[in-house]
């Protein structure tokens, strides 16, 4: 008479629970870092957009013989012609061009979106 050993291969519940716990721990560490990196990238992109707006505003002022302190209200589309495309804040803010000689601002300036 022969004794047959039936051995089923697979993972035990404890092994699966350990793997799930490790994955959860790694996710808990990684997700906040991804959110922070995205926020920093949006802020940096916004600052670069503000630099482009400021440069375009100065070029527009030179071509139209505007002096420092002159208002740009209503001239946003003309200023945008000096850029490849109209800038938008990646964080969802809006840009205010301001007078000639002043820096443009973003509505999210409290979050660090300042020139």
N, C-alpha and C. Protein backbone atom coordinates (compact mmCIF):
# COMPACT_ATOMS: atom_id res chain seq x y z
N UNK A 1 0.83 -1.16 0.00
CA UNK A 1 0.00 0.00 0.00
C UNK A 1 0.89 1.24 0.00
N UNK A 2 0.60 2.13 -0.89
CA UNK A 2 1.36 3.38 -0.97
C UNK A 2 0.59 4.51 -0.34
N UNK A 3 1.34 5.38 0.34
CA UNK A 3 0.72 6.56 0.95
C UNK A 3 0.94 7.73 -0.01
N UNK A 4 -0.14 8.36 -0.36
CA UNK A 4 -0.06 9.51 -1.28
C UNK A 4 -0.07 10.79 -0.45
N UNK A 5 0.93 11.62 -0.71
CA UNK A 5 0.98 12.93 -0.08
C UNK A 5 0.38 13.96 -1.04
N UNK A 6 -0.74 14.49 -0.68
CA UNK A 6 -1.36 15.54 -1.49
C UNK A 6 -0.88 16.88 -0.97
N UNK A 7 -0.16 17.54 -1.78
CA UNK A 7 0.36 18.84 -1.37
C UNK A 7 -0.11 19.88 -2.39
N UNK A 8 -0.94 20.80 -1.91
CA UNK A 8 -1.43 21.85 -2.79
C UNK A 8 -0.55 23.07 -2.62
N UNK A 9 -0.15 23.62 -3.73
CA UNK A 9 0.69 24.82 -3.64
C UNK A 9 -0.21 26.05 -3.69
N UNK A 10 0.27 27.10 -3.06
CA UNK A 10 -0.49 28.35 -2.99
C UNK A 10 -0.01 29.18 -1.82
N UNK A 11 -0.64 30.31 -1.62
CA UNK A 11 -0.26 31.20 -0.54
C UNK A 11 -1.25 31.06 0.61
N UNK A 12 -0.73 31.19 1.79
CA UNK A 12 -1.61 31.15 2.96
C UNK A 12 -2.19 32.53 3.19
N UNK A 13 -3.20 32.59 4.00
CA UNK A 13 -3.86 33.85 4.30
C UNK A 13 -2.90 34.82 4.99
N UNK A 14 -2.06 34.30 5.86
CA UNK A 14 -1.09 35.15 6.57
C UNK A 14 -0.11 35.77 5.59
N UNK A 15 0.37 35.01 4.63
CA UNK A 15 1.30 35.56 3.65
C UNK A 15 0.66 36.66 2.81
N UNK A 16 -0.56 36.45 2.42
CA UNK A 16 -1.28 37.46 1.63
C UNK A 16 -1.50 38.73 2.46
N UNK A 17 -1.85 38.56 3.75
CA UNK A 17 -2.06 39.71 4.61
C UNK A 17 -0.77 40.50 4.82
N UNK A 18 0.36 39.84 4.92
CA UNK A 18 1.64 40.53 5.08
C UNK A 18 1.97 41.35 3.83
N UNK A 19 1.76 40.77 2.66
CA UNK A 19 2.02 41.48 1.41
C UNK A 19 1.12 42.70 1.29
N UNK A 20 -0.15 42.56 1.60
CA UNK A 20 -1.09 43.68 1.54
C UNK A 20 -0.68 44.78 2.53
N UNK A 21 -0.24 44.39 3.71
CA UNK A 21 0.19 45.38 4.71
C UNK A 21 1.42 46.14 4.23
N UNK A 22 2.35 45.46 3.60
CA UNK A 22 3.56 46.12 3.08
C UNK A 22 3.19 47.09 1.96
N UNK A 23 2.33 46.68 1.06
CA UNK A 23 1.89 47.56 -0.03
C UNK A 23 1.17 48.78 0.54
N UNK A 24 0.33 48.59 1.54
CA UNK A 24 -0.36 49.71 2.17
C UNK A 24 0.60 50.68 2.83
N UNK A 25 1.62 50.16 3.48
CA UNK A 25 2.63 51.01 4.11
C UNK A 25 3.39 51.83 3.08
N UNK A 26 3.78 51.20 1.99
CA UNK A 26 4.49 51.91 0.92
C UNK A 26 3.60 52.99 0.30
N UNK A 27 2.33 52.69 0.11
CA UNK A 27 1.40 53.68 -0.45
C UNK A 27 1.22 54.85 0.51
N UNK A 28 1.14 54.57 1.80
CA UNK A 28 0.98 55.64 2.79
C UNK A 28 2.18 56.57 2.81
N UNK A 29 3.35 56.06 2.49
CA UNK A 29 4.55 56.89 2.43
C UNK A 29 4.62 57.65 1.10
N UNK A 30 4.28 57.01 0.00
CA UNK A 30 4.49 57.58 -1.33
C UNK A 30 3.45 58.61 -1.74
N UNK A 31 2.19 58.40 -1.41
CA UNK A 31 1.13 59.28 -1.91
C UNK A 31 1.31 60.73 -1.45
N UNK A 32 1.59 61.02 -0.18
CA UNK A 32 1.81 62.43 0.20
C UNK A 32 2.99 63.07 -0.54
N UNK A 33 4.03 62.29 -0.83
CA UNK A 33 5.17 62.84 -1.58
C UNK A 33 4.77 63.16 -3.01
N UNK A 34 3.93 62.36 -3.63
CA UNK A 34 3.46 62.65 -4.98
C UNK A 34 2.62 63.91 -4.99
N UNK A 35 1.76 64.09 -4.00
CA UNK A 35 0.92 65.29 -3.92
C UNK A 35 1.79 66.53 -3.75
N UNK A 36 2.78 66.44 -2.89
CA UNK A 36 3.68 67.58 -2.66
C UNK A 36 4.46 67.90 -3.94
N UNK A 37 4.93 66.90 -4.64
CA UNK A 37 5.68 67.12 -5.88
C UNK A 37 4.79 67.77 -6.94
N UNK A 38 3.54 67.36 -7.03
CA UNK A 38 2.62 67.96 -8.00
C UNK A 38 2.35 69.42 -7.66
N UNK A 39 2.15 69.72 -6.38
CA UNK A 39 1.90 71.09 -5.95
C UNK A 39 3.11 71.98 -6.24
N UNK A 40 4.29 71.48 -5.97
CA UNK A 40 5.52 72.24 -6.24
C UNK A 40 5.68 72.48 -7.74
N UNK A 41 5.39 71.49 -8.55
CA UNK A 41 5.51 71.63 -10.00
C UNK A 41 4.51 72.66 -10.53
N UNK A 42 3.28 72.67 -10.00
CA UNK A 42 2.29 73.66 -10.42
C UNK A 42 2.73 75.06 -10.04
N UNK A 43 3.30 75.21 -8.83
CA UNK A 43 3.76 76.52 -8.39
C UNK A 43 4.89 77.01 -9.28
N UNK A 44 5.85 76.15 -9.59
CA UNK A 44 6.97 76.55 -10.45
C UNK A 44 6.52 76.90 -11.86
N UNK A 45 5.57 76.16 -12.40
CA UNK A 45 5.03 76.47 -13.73
C UNK A 45 4.31 77.81 -13.72
N UNK A 46 3.59 78.10 -12.65
CA UNK A 46 2.89 79.37 -12.53
C UNK A 46 3.88 80.53 -12.49
N UNK A 47 4.96 80.37 -11.74
CA UNK A 47 5.98 81.41 -11.65
C UNK A 47 6.61 81.66 -13.02
N UNK A 48 6.86 80.60 -13.77
CA UNK A 48 7.40 80.76 -15.12
C UNK A 48 6.41 81.49 -16.03
N UNK A 49 5.12 81.17 -15.88
CA UNK A 49 4.10 81.88 -16.66
C UNK A 49 4.08 83.36 -16.31
N UNK A 50 4.22 83.68 -15.02
CA UNK A 50 4.23 85.08 -14.60
C UNK A 50 5.44 85.82 -15.19
N UNK A 51 6.57 85.14 -15.29
CA UNK A 51 7.75 85.75 -15.92
C UNK A 51 7.49 86.04 -17.39
N UNK A 52 6.83 85.11 -18.08
CA UNK A 52 6.51 85.33 -19.49
C UNK A 52 5.53 86.48 -19.66
N UNK A 53 4.53 86.55 -18.78
CA UNK A 53 3.56 87.64 -18.85
C UNK A 53 4.27 88.97 -18.63
N UNK A 54 5.17 89.03 -17.66
CA UNK A 54 5.89 90.26 -17.37
C UNK A 54 6.73 90.68 -18.57
N UNK A 55 7.41 89.74 -19.19
CA UNK A 55 8.23 90.04 -20.37
C UNK A 55 7.36 90.53 -21.53
N UNK A 56 6.25 89.86 -21.78
CA UNK A 56 5.35 90.26 -22.86
C UNK A 56 4.75 91.64 -22.59
N UNK A 57 4.45 91.90 -21.33
CA UNK A 57 3.88 93.20 -20.95
C UNK A 57 4.89 94.32 -21.22
N UNK A 58 6.15 94.08 -20.90
CA UNK A 58 7.19 95.09 -21.13
C UNK A 58 7.40 95.30 -22.63
N UNK A 59 7.38 94.22 -23.42
CA UNK A 59 7.53 94.36 -24.87
C UNK A 59 6.36 95.15 -25.46
N UNK A 60 5.16 94.85 -25.00
CA UNK A 60 3.97 95.58 -25.46
C UNK A 60 4.08 97.06 -25.12
N UNK A 61 4.56 97.36 -23.91
CA UNK A 61 4.69 98.75 -23.49
C UNK A 61 5.71 99.49 -24.35
N UNK A 62 6.81 98.84 -24.71
CA UNK A 62 7.80 99.48 -25.57
C UNK A 62 7.25 99.77 -26.95
N UNK A 63 6.53 98.82 -27.53
CA UNK A 63 5.99 99.00 -28.88
C UNK A 63 4.89 100.05 -28.91
N UNK A 64 4.15 100.18 -27.83
CA UNK A 64 3.03 101.13 -27.79
C UNK A 64 3.38 102.42 -27.03
N UNK A 65 4.65 102.60 -26.73
CA UNK A 65 5.17 103.81 -26.07
C UNK A 65 4.40 104.14 -24.80
N UNK A 66 4.22 103.13 -23.98
CA UNK A 66 3.56 103.32 -22.68
C UNK A 66 4.63 103.60 -21.64
N UNK A 67 4.33 104.46 -20.72
CA UNK A 67 5.28 104.79 -19.67
C UNK A 67 5.01 103.94 -18.44
N UNK A 68 5.95 103.95 -17.52
CA UNK A 68 5.79 103.18 -16.29
C UNK A 68 4.59 103.69 -15.51
N UNK A 69 3.80 102.75 -15.03
CA UNK A 69 2.60 103.09 -14.28
C UNK A 69 1.35 103.13 -15.14
N UNK A 70 1.51 103.01 -16.47
CA UNK A 70 0.36 103.01 -17.37
C UNK A 70 -0.45 101.74 -17.17
N UNK A 71 -1.75 101.86 -17.24
CA UNK A 71 -2.63 100.72 -17.01
C UNK A 71 -2.64 99.79 -18.22
N UNK A 72 -2.78 98.51 -17.96
CA UNK A 72 -2.89 97.53 -19.03
C UNK A 72 -4.31 96.96 -19.12
N UNK A 73 -5.23 97.54 -18.37
CA UNK A 73 -6.60 97.05 -18.36
C UNK A 73 -7.20 97.13 -19.76
N UNK A 74 -7.76 96.04 -20.23
CA UNK A 74 -8.35 95.97 -21.55
C UNK A 74 -7.35 95.62 -22.64
N UNK A 75 -6.08 95.56 -22.32
CA UNK A 75 -5.05 95.26 -23.31
C UNK A 75 -4.48 93.86 -23.17
N UNK A 76 -5.13 93.02 -22.39
CA UNK A 76 -4.61 91.68 -22.13
C UNK A 76 -4.45 90.87 -23.41
N UNK A 77 -5.43 90.98 -24.32
CA UNK A 77 -5.33 90.21 -25.57
C UNK A 77 -4.19 90.72 -26.43
N UNK A 78 -3.95 92.04 -26.43
CA UNK A 78 -2.83 92.58 -27.19
C UNK A 78 -1.51 92.12 -26.58
N UNK A 79 -1.44 92.05 -25.26
CA UNK A 79 -0.22 91.58 -24.60
C UNK A 79 -0.01 90.10 -24.87
N UNK A 80 -1.11 89.33 -24.89
CA UNK A 80 -1.01 87.89 -25.16
C UNK A 80 -0.46 87.61 -26.55
N UNK A 81 -0.58 88.58 -27.47
CA UNK A 81 -0.05 88.40 -28.82
C UNK A 81 1.47 88.30 -28.81
N UNK A 82 2.11 88.77 -27.74
CA UNK A 82 3.57 88.71 -27.62
C UNK A 82 4.03 87.37 -27.05
N UNK A 83 3.09 86.48 -26.77
CA UNK A 83 3.41 85.14 -26.27
C UNK A 83 2.90 84.11 -27.26
N UNK A 84 3.42 82.90 -27.16
CA UNK A 84 2.98 81.84 -28.06
C UNK A 84 1.50 81.52 -27.85
N UNK A 85 1.08 81.48 -26.59
CA UNK A 85 -0.32 81.25 -26.27
C UNK A 85 -0.63 81.94 -24.95
N UNK A 86 -1.89 82.20 -24.72
CA UNK A 86 -2.29 82.86 -23.47
C UNK A 86 -2.02 81.91 -22.30
N UNK A 87 -1.35 82.39 -21.27
CA UNK A 87 -1.00 81.50 -20.16
C UNK A 87 -2.18 81.24 -19.23
N UNK A 88 -2.18 80.06 -18.66
CA UNK A 88 -3.17 79.72 -17.64
C UNK A 88 -2.42 79.11 -16.46
N UNK A 89 -2.89 79.42 -15.28
CA UNK A 89 -2.26 78.89 -14.08
C UNK A 89 -2.58 77.40 -13.95
N UNK A 90 -1.56 76.54 -13.81
CA UNK A 90 -1.82 75.11 -13.68
C UNK A 90 -2.53 74.75 -12.39
N UNK A 91 -2.50 75.64 -11.41
CA UNK A 91 -3.18 75.39 -10.14
C UNK A 91 -4.63 75.83 -10.15
N UNK A 92 -5.08 76.44 -11.26
CA UNK A 92 -6.47 76.89 -11.37
C UNK A 92 -6.67 78.36 -11.04
N UNK A 93 -5.60 79.10 -10.82
CA UNK A 93 -5.71 80.52 -10.51
C UNK A 93 -5.87 81.35 -11.77
N UNK A 94 -6.05 82.65 -11.58
CA UNK A 94 -6.17 83.58 -12.70
C UNK A 94 -5.08 84.64 -12.57
N UNK A 95 -4.66 85.16 -13.71
CA UNK A 95 -3.59 86.15 -13.72
C UNK A 95 -4.16 87.56 -13.84
N UNK A 96 -3.54 88.48 -13.11
CA UNK A 96 -3.84 89.90 -13.22
C UNK A 96 -2.56 90.56 -13.70
N UNK A 97 -2.62 91.26 -14.84
CA UNK A 97 -1.41 91.78 -15.46
C UNK A 97 -0.86 92.99 -14.71
N UNK A 98 -1.70 93.86 -14.23
CA UNK A 98 -1.24 95.03 -13.48
C UNK A 98 -0.66 96.10 -14.38
N UNK A 99 -0.26 97.20 -13.78
CA UNK A 99 0.27 98.34 -14.51
C UNK A 99 1.69 98.05 -15.00
N UNK A 100 2.12 98.87 -15.95
CA UNK A 100 3.48 98.75 -16.47
C UNK A 100 4.46 99.07 -15.33
N UNK A 101 5.48 98.24 -15.19
CA UNK A 101 6.47 98.44 -14.14
C UNK A 101 6.16 97.67 -12.87
N UNK A 102 4.98 97.05 -12.79
CA UNK A 102 4.65 96.21 -11.64
C UNK A 102 4.60 94.76 -12.09
N UNK A 103 4.81 93.87 -11.17
CA UNK A 103 4.80 92.44 -11.50
C UNK A 103 3.37 91.93 -11.64
N UNK A 104 3.13 91.05 -12.60
CA UNK A 104 1.81 90.41 -12.68
C UNK A 104 1.60 89.51 -11.47
N UNK A 105 0.34 89.25 -11.15
CA UNK A 105 0.03 88.44 -9.98
C UNK A 105 -0.90 87.31 -10.35
N UNK A 106 -0.88 86.30 -9.50
CA UNK A 106 -1.78 85.15 -9.64
C UNK A 106 -2.75 85.19 -8.46
N UNK A 107 -3.96 84.74 -8.68
CA UNK A 107 -4.94 84.74 -7.59
C UNK A 107 -4.56 83.74 -6.49
N UNK A 108 -3.62 82.85 -6.76
CA UNK A 108 -3.16 81.89 -5.76
C UNK A 108 -1.85 82.35 -5.12
N UNK A 109 -1.64 83.66 -5.02
CA UNK A 109 -0.37 84.16 -4.49
C UNK A 109 -0.15 83.75 -3.04
N UNK A 110 -1.22 83.47 -2.30
CA UNK A 110 -1.06 83.02 -0.92
C UNK A 110 -0.42 81.64 -0.86
N UNK A 111 -0.52 80.88 -1.95
CA UNK A 111 0.07 79.53 -2.00
C UNK A 111 1.49 79.53 -2.56
N UNK A 112 2.06 80.72 -2.73
CA UNK A 112 3.42 80.80 -3.24
C UNK A 112 3.51 81.09 -4.71
N UNK A 113 2.38 81.33 -5.38
CA UNK A 113 2.38 81.63 -6.81
C UNK A 113 2.68 83.12 -7.00
N UNK A 114 3.89 83.54 -6.66
CA UNK A 114 4.26 84.95 -6.80
C UNK A 114 5.56 85.06 -7.56
N UNK A 115 5.69 86.16 -8.26
CA UNK A 115 6.90 86.41 -9.05
C UNK A 115 7.97 87.00 -8.17
